N, C-alpha and C. Protein backbone atom coordinates (compact mmCIF):
# COMPACT_ATOMS: atom_id res chain seq x y z
N MET A 1 40.09 48.12 -19.36
CA MET A 1 40.09 49.02 -20.50
C MET A 1 39.04 48.56 -21.51
N ALA A 2 38.37 49.52 -22.10
CA ALA A 2 37.33 49.20 -23.07
C ALA A 2 37.94 48.71 -24.37
N SER A 3 37.16 47.92 -25.06
CA SER A 3 37.55 47.46 -26.38
C SER A 3 36.64 48.14 -27.39
N LEU A 4 37.24 48.84 -28.36
CA LEU A 4 36.50 49.47 -29.44
C LEU A 4 36.76 48.68 -30.71
N LYS A 5 35.70 48.20 -31.35
CA LYS A 5 35.86 47.42 -32.57
C LYS A 5 35.04 48.06 -33.69
N ALA A 6 35.69 48.32 -34.80
CA ALA A 6 35.03 48.93 -35.95
C ALA A 6 34.31 47.88 -36.78
N TYR A 7 33.15 48.26 -37.32
CA TYR A 7 32.37 47.38 -38.18
C TYR A 7 31.98 48.12 -39.45
N ASN A 8 32.07 47.43 -40.58
CA ASN A 8 31.61 47.91 -41.87
C ASN A 8 30.90 46.76 -42.56
N SER A 9 29.61 46.63 -42.31
CA SER A 9 28.82 45.53 -42.84
C SER A 9 28.88 45.49 -44.36
N LYS A 10 29.04 44.30 -44.89
CA LYS A 10 29.02 44.10 -46.33
C LYS A 10 27.61 44.29 -46.89
N ARG A 11 26.61 44.34 -46.00
CA ARG A 11 25.22 44.52 -46.42
C ARG A 11 24.82 45.99 -46.47
N ALA A 12 25.79 46.90 -46.34
CA ALA A 12 25.53 48.34 -46.41
C ALA A 12 26.68 48.99 -47.19
N PRO A 13 26.51 50.23 -47.61
CA PRO A 13 27.58 50.90 -48.35
C PRO A 13 28.85 50.99 -47.50
N GLN A 14 29.98 50.88 -48.16
CA GLN A 14 31.26 50.96 -47.46
C GLN A 14 31.64 52.43 -47.26
N PRO A 15 32.33 52.74 -46.17
CA PRO A 15 32.72 54.12 -45.92
C PRO A 15 33.70 54.62 -46.97
N ALA A 16 33.61 55.91 -47.25
CA ALA A 16 34.44 56.51 -48.30
C ALA A 16 35.90 56.59 -47.89
N ALA A 17 36.17 56.93 -46.63
CA ALA A 17 37.57 57.12 -46.26
C ALA A 17 37.77 57.21 -44.76
N GLY A 18 38.48 56.24 -44.22
CA GLY A 18 39.02 56.33 -42.87
C GLY A 18 38.06 56.43 -41.71
N TYR A 19 36.89 55.86 -41.82
CA TYR A 19 36.01 55.82 -40.65
C TYR A 19 35.24 54.51 -40.66
N ALA A 20 34.53 54.25 -39.57
CA ALA A 20 33.77 53.02 -39.45
C ALA A 20 32.28 53.33 -39.53
N GLN A 21 31.51 52.42 -40.12
CA GLN A 21 30.07 52.58 -40.14
C GLN A 21 29.47 52.38 -38.75
N ALA A 22 30.15 51.59 -37.93
CA ALA A 22 29.70 51.36 -36.56
C ALA A 22 30.93 51.04 -35.70
N VAL A 23 30.84 51.39 -34.43
CA VAL A 23 31.91 51.07 -33.49
C VAL A 23 31.26 50.42 -32.27
N LYS A 24 31.70 49.20 -31.96
CA LYS A 24 31.16 48.48 -30.82
C LYS A 24 32.08 48.71 -29.62
N LEU A 25 31.47 49.03 -28.51
CA LEU A 25 32.19 49.31 -27.28
C LEU A 25 31.90 48.19 -26.29
N GLU A 26 32.96 47.54 -25.83
CA GLU A 26 32.80 46.47 -24.86
C GLU A 26 33.57 46.81 -23.60
N SER A 27 32.99 46.54 -22.46
CA SER A 27 33.64 46.68 -21.16
C SER A 27 34.08 48.10 -20.83
N ALA A 28 33.32 49.09 -21.25
CA ALA A 28 33.69 50.48 -20.94
C ALA A 28 33.40 50.79 -19.49
N LYS A 29 34.33 51.48 -18.88
CA LYS A 29 34.16 51.94 -17.51
C LYS A 29 34.02 53.45 -17.46
N GLU A 30 34.44 54.11 -18.55
CA GLU A 30 34.36 55.56 -18.60
C GLU A 30 33.86 56.00 -19.97
N LEU A 31 32.97 56.96 -19.97
CA LEU A 31 32.51 57.60 -21.19
C LEU A 31 32.76 59.10 -21.06
N LEU A 32 33.25 59.71 -22.11
CA LEU A 32 33.49 61.14 -22.12
C LEU A 32 32.73 61.74 -23.30
N PHE A 33 31.85 62.68 -23.02
CA PHE A 33 31.10 63.37 -24.06
C PHE A 33 31.71 64.76 -24.20
N VAL A 34 32.31 65.02 -25.36
CA VAL A 34 32.97 66.29 -25.62
C VAL A 34 32.01 67.19 -26.40
N SER A 35 31.64 68.30 -25.79
CA SER A 35 30.78 69.28 -26.45
C SER A 35 31.44 69.78 -27.72
N GLY A 36 30.66 70.37 -28.59
CA GLY A 36 31.19 70.90 -29.84
C GLY A 36 32.36 71.85 -29.58
N GLN A 37 33.49 71.48 -30.15
CA GLN A 37 34.70 72.30 -29.99
C GLN A 37 34.82 73.21 -31.20
N ILE A 38 35.06 74.45 -30.93
CA ILE A 38 35.05 75.48 -31.96
C ILE A 38 36.47 75.91 -32.31
N PRO A 39 36.65 76.57 -33.44
CA PRO A 39 37.98 76.98 -33.87
C PRO A 39 38.40 78.32 -33.25
N VAL A 40 38.43 78.34 -31.92
CA VAL A 40 38.80 79.55 -31.19
C VAL A 40 39.94 79.20 -30.25
N ALA A 41 41.00 79.99 -30.30
CA ALA A 41 42.15 79.81 -29.42
C ALA A 41 41.81 80.33 -28.02
N PRO A 42 42.57 79.92 -26.99
CA PRO A 42 42.30 80.40 -25.64
C PRO A 42 42.27 81.94 -25.52
N ASP A 43 43.00 82.63 -26.39
CA ASP A 43 43.00 84.09 -26.34
C ASP A 43 41.84 84.70 -27.14
N GLY A 44 40.97 83.85 -27.70
CA GLY A 44 39.81 84.31 -28.45
C GLY A 44 40.03 84.47 -29.94
N ALA A 45 41.25 84.23 -30.40
CA ALA A 45 41.55 84.37 -31.83
C ALA A 45 40.91 83.26 -32.64
N VAL A 46 40.43 83.62 -33.83
CA VAL A 46 39.84 82.67 -34.78
C VAL A 46 40.67 82.76 -36.06
N PRO A 47 41.30 81.66 -36.47
CA PRO A 47 42.09 81.69 -37.71
C PRO A 47 41.22 82.02 -38.92
N ALA A 48 41.85 82.54 -39.96
CA ALA A 48 41.12 82.97 -41.15
C ALA A 48 40.79 81.82 -42.10
N THR A 49 41.66 80.80 -42.18
CA THR A 49 41.47 79.75 -43.18
C THR A 49 40.78 78.52 -42.59
N PHE A 50 40.14 77.75 -43.47
CA PHE A 50 39.49 76.53 -43.00
C PHE A 50 40.52 75.57 -42.39
N GLY A 51 41.64 75.37 -43.06
CA GLY A 51 42.64 74.43 -42.56
C GLY A 51 43.10 74.77 -41.16
N ALA A 52 43.40 76.02 -40.92
CA ALA A 52 43.85 76.45 -39.59
C ALA A 52 42.72 76.29 -38.57
N GLN A 53 41.49 76.59 -38.97
CA GLN A 53 40.36 76.41 -38.05
C GLN A 53 40.15 74.94 -37.71
N ALA A 54 40.24 74.08 -38.71
CA ALA A 54 40.04 72.65 -38.47
C ALA A 54 41.10 72.11 -37.52
N ARG A 55 42.33 72.47 -37.74
CA ARG A 55 43.41 71.99 -36.85
C ARG A 55 43.23 72.52 -35.43
N LEU A 56 42.77 73.76 -35.30
CA LEU A 56 42.53 74.32 -33.97
C LEU A 56 41.35 73.63 -33.28
N ALA A 57 40.27 73.38 -34.02
CA ALA A 57 39.13 72.68 -33.43
C ALA A 57 39.55 71.28 -32.97
N TRP A 58 40.34 70.58 -33.78
CA TRP A 58 40.85 69.27 -33.37
C TRP A 58 41.75 69.40 -32.14
N ALA A 59 42.59 70.42 -32.10
CA ALA A 59 43.46 70.63 -30.92
C ALA A 59 42.60 70.84 -29.68
N ASN A 60 41.48 71.53 -29.82
CA ASN A 60 40.58 71.74 -28.69
C ASN A 60 39.92 70.43 -28.26
N VAL A 61 39.55 69.59 -29.23
CA VAL A 61 39.00 68.26 -28.91
C VAL A 61 40.05 67.46 -28.13
N ILE A 62 41.25 67.44 -28.65
CA ILE A 62 42.34 66.68 -28.01
C ILE A 62 42.61 67.19 -26.60
N ALA A 63 42.58 68.50 -26.42
CA ALA A 63 42.80 69.08 -25.09
C ALA A 63 41.76 68.58 -24.09
N GLN A 64 40.49 68.55 -24.51
CA GLN A 64 39.43 68.07 -23.61
C GLN A 64 39.64 66.59 -23.27
N ILE A 65 39.95 65.80 -24.29
CA ILE A 65 40.15 64.37 -24.08
C ILE A 65 41.34 64.11 -23.16
N GLU A 66 42.44 64.79 -23.42
CA GLU A 66 43.64 64.58 -22.60
C GLU A 66 43.45 65.06 -21.17
N ASP A 67 42.74 66.17 -20.98
CA ASP A 67 42.50 66.65 -19.62
C ASP A 67 41.63 65.67 -18.83
N ALA A 68 40.86 64.86 -19.54
CA ALA A 68 40.04 63.82 -18.90
C ALA A 68 40.83 62.52 -18.71
N GLY A 69 42.13 62.54 -19.04
CA GLY A 69 42.96 61.36 -18.87
C GLY A 69 42.81 60.32 -19.96
N MET A 70 42.33 60.75 -21.12
CA MET A 70 42.12 59.83 -22.24
C MET A 70 42.97 60.28 -23.42
N SER A 71 42.86 59.56 -24.54
CA SER A 71 43.62 59.91 -25.74
C SER A 71 42.75 59.68 -26.97
N LEU A 72 43.29 60.04 -28.14
CA LEU A 72 42.56 59.78 -29.39
C LEU A 72 42.27 58.30 -29.58
N ASP A 73 43.06 57.43 -28.97
CA ASP A 73 42.80 55.99 -29.07
C ASP A 73 41.48 55.61 -28.42
N ASP A 74 40.94 56.48 -27.59
CA ASP A 74 39.67 56.21 -26.90
C ASP A 74 38.46 56.77 -27.66
N LEU A 75 38.68 57.46 -28.76
CA LEU A 75 37.57 58.03 -29.52
C LEU A 75 36.70 56.94 -30.11
N ALA A 76 35.38 57.06 -29.93
CA ALA A 76 34.44 56.12 -30.50
C ALA A 76 33.58 56.77 -31.59
N LYS A 77 33.22 58.05 -31.38
CA LYS A 77 32.28 58.73 -32.29
C LYS A 77 32.68 60.18 -32.43
N VAL A 78 32.65 60.68 -33.65
CA VAL A 78 32.94 62.08 -33.95
C VAL A 78 31.83 62.61 -34.86
N THR A 79 31.36 63.81 -34.54
CA THR A 79 30.44 64.51 -35.42
C THR A 79 31.08 65.84 -35.77
N ILE A 80 31.18 66.11 -37.07
CA ILE A 80 31.77 67.35 -37.56
C ILE A 80 30.69 68.14 -38.28
N PHE A 81 30.53 69.38 -37.88
CA PHE A 81 29.58 70.29 -38.50
C PHE A 81 30.37 71.25 -39.37
N LEU A 82 30.10 71.26 -40.67
CA LEU A 82 30.77 72.15 -41.62
C LEU A 82 29.81 73.25 -42.05
N SER A 83 30.34 74.46 -42.22
CA SER A 83 29.49 75.57 -42.66
C SER A 83 29.23 75.54 -44.16
N ASP A 84 30.05 74.77 -44.90
CA ASP A 84 29.90 74.73 -46.36
C ASP A 84 30.46 73.42 -46.90
N ARG A 85 29.76 72.85 -47.85
CA ARG A 85 30.19 71.60 -48.49
C ARG A 85 31.56 71.75 -49.16
N ALA A 86 31.92 72.97 -49.52
CA ALA A 86 33.20 73.23 -50.19
C ALA A 86 34.39 72.80 -49.32
N TYR A 87 34.19 72.66 -48.02
CA TYR A 87 35.28 72.28 -47.11
C TYR A 87 35.40 70.76 -46.92
N ALA A 88 34.55 69.99 -47.56
CA ALA A 88 34.50 68.54 -47.31
C ALA A 88 35.83 67.84 -47.56
N ALA A 89 36.46 68.08 -48.68
CA ALA A 89 37.71 67.38 -49.00
C ALA A 89 38.84 67.78 -48.05
N GLU A 90 38.97 69.06 -47.77
CA GLU A 90 40.01 69.49 -46.84
C GLU A 90 39.74 68.98 -45.44
N ASN A 91 38.47 68.96 -45.05
CA ASN A 91 38.09 68.41 -43.75
C ASN A 91 38.50 66.95 -43.65
N ARG A 92 38.21 66.18 -44.68
CA ARG A 92 38.56 64.75 -44.69
C ARG A 92 40.07 64.57 -44.54
N ALA A 93 40.85 65.32 -45.29
CA ALA A 93 42.31 65.19 -45.24
C ALA A 93 42.85 65.53 -43.86
N ILE A 94 42.35 66.58 -43.26
CA ILE A 94 42.83 66.97 -41.93
C ILE A 94 42.40 65.95 -40.89
N ARG A 95 41.14 65.49 -40.98
CA ARG A 95 40.67 64.46 -40.04
C ARG A 95 41.54 63.21 -40.13
N GLN A 96 41.83 62.77 -41.34
CA GLN A 96 42.67 61.58 -41.51
C GLN A 96 44.08 61.82 -40.97
N ASP A 97 44.61 63.02 -41.15
CA ASP A 97 45.92 63.35 -40.62
C ASP A 97 45.91 63.29 -39.09
N VAL A 98 44.89 63.85 -38.48
CA VAL A 98 44.80 63.88 -37.02
C VAL A 98 44.57 62.48 -36.46
N LEU A 99 43.66 61.74 -37.04
CA LEU A 99 43.29 60.43 -36.49
C LEU A 99 44.21 59.30 -36.95
N GLY A 100 44.94 59.48 -38.01
CA GLY A 100 45.82 58.42 -38.49
C GLY A 100 45.02 57.18 -38.85
N GLN A 101 45.43 56.04 -38.33
CA GLN A 101 44.77 54.76 -38.64
C GLN A 101 43.56 54.47 -37.76
N ARG A 102 43.24 55.37 -36.84
CA ARG A 102 42.08 55.14 -35.97
C ARG A 102 40.81 55.20 -36.80
N SER A 103 39.90 54.28 -36.54
CA SER A 103 38.65 54.21 -37.28
C SER A 103 37.50 54.44 -36.30
N VAL A 104 36.90 55.62 -36.36
CA VAL A 104 35.81 55.97 -35.46
C VAL A 104 34.50 56.03 -36.24
N ALA A 105 33.39 55.94 -35.52
CA ALA A 105 32.10 56.21 -36.15
C ALA A 105 32.07 57.72 -36.43
N LEU A 106 31.59 58.11 -37.60
CA LEU A 106 31.71 59.50 -38.04
C LEU A 106 30.44 59.98 -38.72
N THR A 107 30.07 61.21 -38.40
CA THR A 107 29.01 61.89 -39.12
C THR A 107 29.52 63.28 -39.46
N VAL A 108 29.30 63.72 -40.71
CA VAL A 108 29.63 65.07 -41.14
C VAL A 108 28.33 65.71 -41.60
N ILE A 109 28.05 66.89 -41.05
CA ILE A 109 26.80 67.60 -41.34
C ILE A 109 27.13 68.98 -41.89
N ILE A 110 26.48 69.34 -42.98
CA ILE A 110 26.61 70.68 -43.54
C ILE A 110 25.46 71.50 -42.95
N THR A 111 25.80 72.58 -42.25
CA THR A 111 24.78 73.33 -41.53
C THR A 111 25.25 74.75 -41.23
N GLY A 112 24.35 75.55 -40.75
CA GLY A 112 24.74 76.86 -40.24
C GLY A 112 25.47 76.68 -38.92
N ILE A 113 26.49 77.46 -38.68
CA ILE A 113 27.26 77.38 -37.44
C ILE A 113 26.90 78.60 -36.59
N PHE A 114 26.94 78.46 -35.28
CA PHE A 114 26.50 79.49 -34.34
C PHE A 114 27.11 80.86 -34.62
N ASP A 115 28.42 80.91 -34.86
CA ASP A 115 29.12 82.17 -35.14
C ASP A 115 29.57 82.13 -36.61
N SER A 116 29.26 83.15 -37.36
CA SER A 116 29.58 83.14 -38.80
C SER A 116 31.07 83.14 -39.09
N ALA A 117 31.91 83.45 -38.10
CA ALA A 117 33.37 83.40 -38.29
C ALA A 117 33.89 81.96 -38.25
N TRP A 118 33.14 81.07 -37.61
CA TRP A 118 33.55 79.67 -37.48
C TRP A 118 33.13 78.90 -38.72
N LEU A 119 34.04 78.10 -39.25
CA LEU A 119 33.74 77.32 -40.44
C LEU A 119 33.41 75.87 -40.12
N LEU A 120 33.62 75.46 -38.87
CA LEU A 120 33.29 74.10 -38.43
C LEU A 120 33.19 74.03 -36.93
N GLU A 121 32.66 72.93 -36.46
CA GLU A 121 32.59 72.60 -35.04
C GLU A 121 32.70 71.08 -34.95
N ILE A 122 33.38 70.58 -33.92
CA ILE A 122 33.59 69.13 -33.79
C ILE A 122 33.17 68.68 -32.39
N GLU A 123 32.30 67.67 -32.33
CA GLU A 123 31.96 67.05 -31.05
C GLU A 123 32.38 65.59 -31.09
N ALA A 124 32.59 65.01 -29.91
CA ALA A 124 33.13 63.65 -29.87
C ALA A 124 32.65 62.89 -28.65
N ILE A 125 32.74 61.57 -28.75
CA ILE A 125 32.51 60.68 -27.62
C ILE A 125 33.71 59.76 -27.53
N ALA A 126 34.28 59.67 -26.34
CA ALA A 126 35.41 58.78 -26.09
C ALA A 126 34.99 57.79 -25.01
N ALA A 127 35.59 56.61 -25.03
CA ALA A 127 35.25 55.57 -24.06
C ALA A 127 36.47 54.70 -23.78
N ARG A 128 36.51 54.23 -22.55
CA ARG A 128 37.52 53.24 -22.20
C ARG A 128 37.11 52.48 -20.98
């Protein structure tokens, strides 16, 4: 099993909340690259609110990871694309709720999203 160790160098700014500036992976035998997961349910429905979309996108990430025989404990890197900076605080709260005490390398980008109905997209890398 891989060992994931979080690092936050004292020689660089400290993370604002619940993530690691770097994650070192040792002895990995499996890597899983999860494409950007969108806030769309299997039936094609897209929730109206950011909170519901964020939870659905995370559920889609978790589904991909679990179908590959892994879990959130195997997450090493997450990139979240937000359609608007106004969602930053709610995004952080939901991410922390989903990940709990897990500390992953994290990037959040404010950008245009492929479909204007989607308010975010989440991609991830898991390893073990």
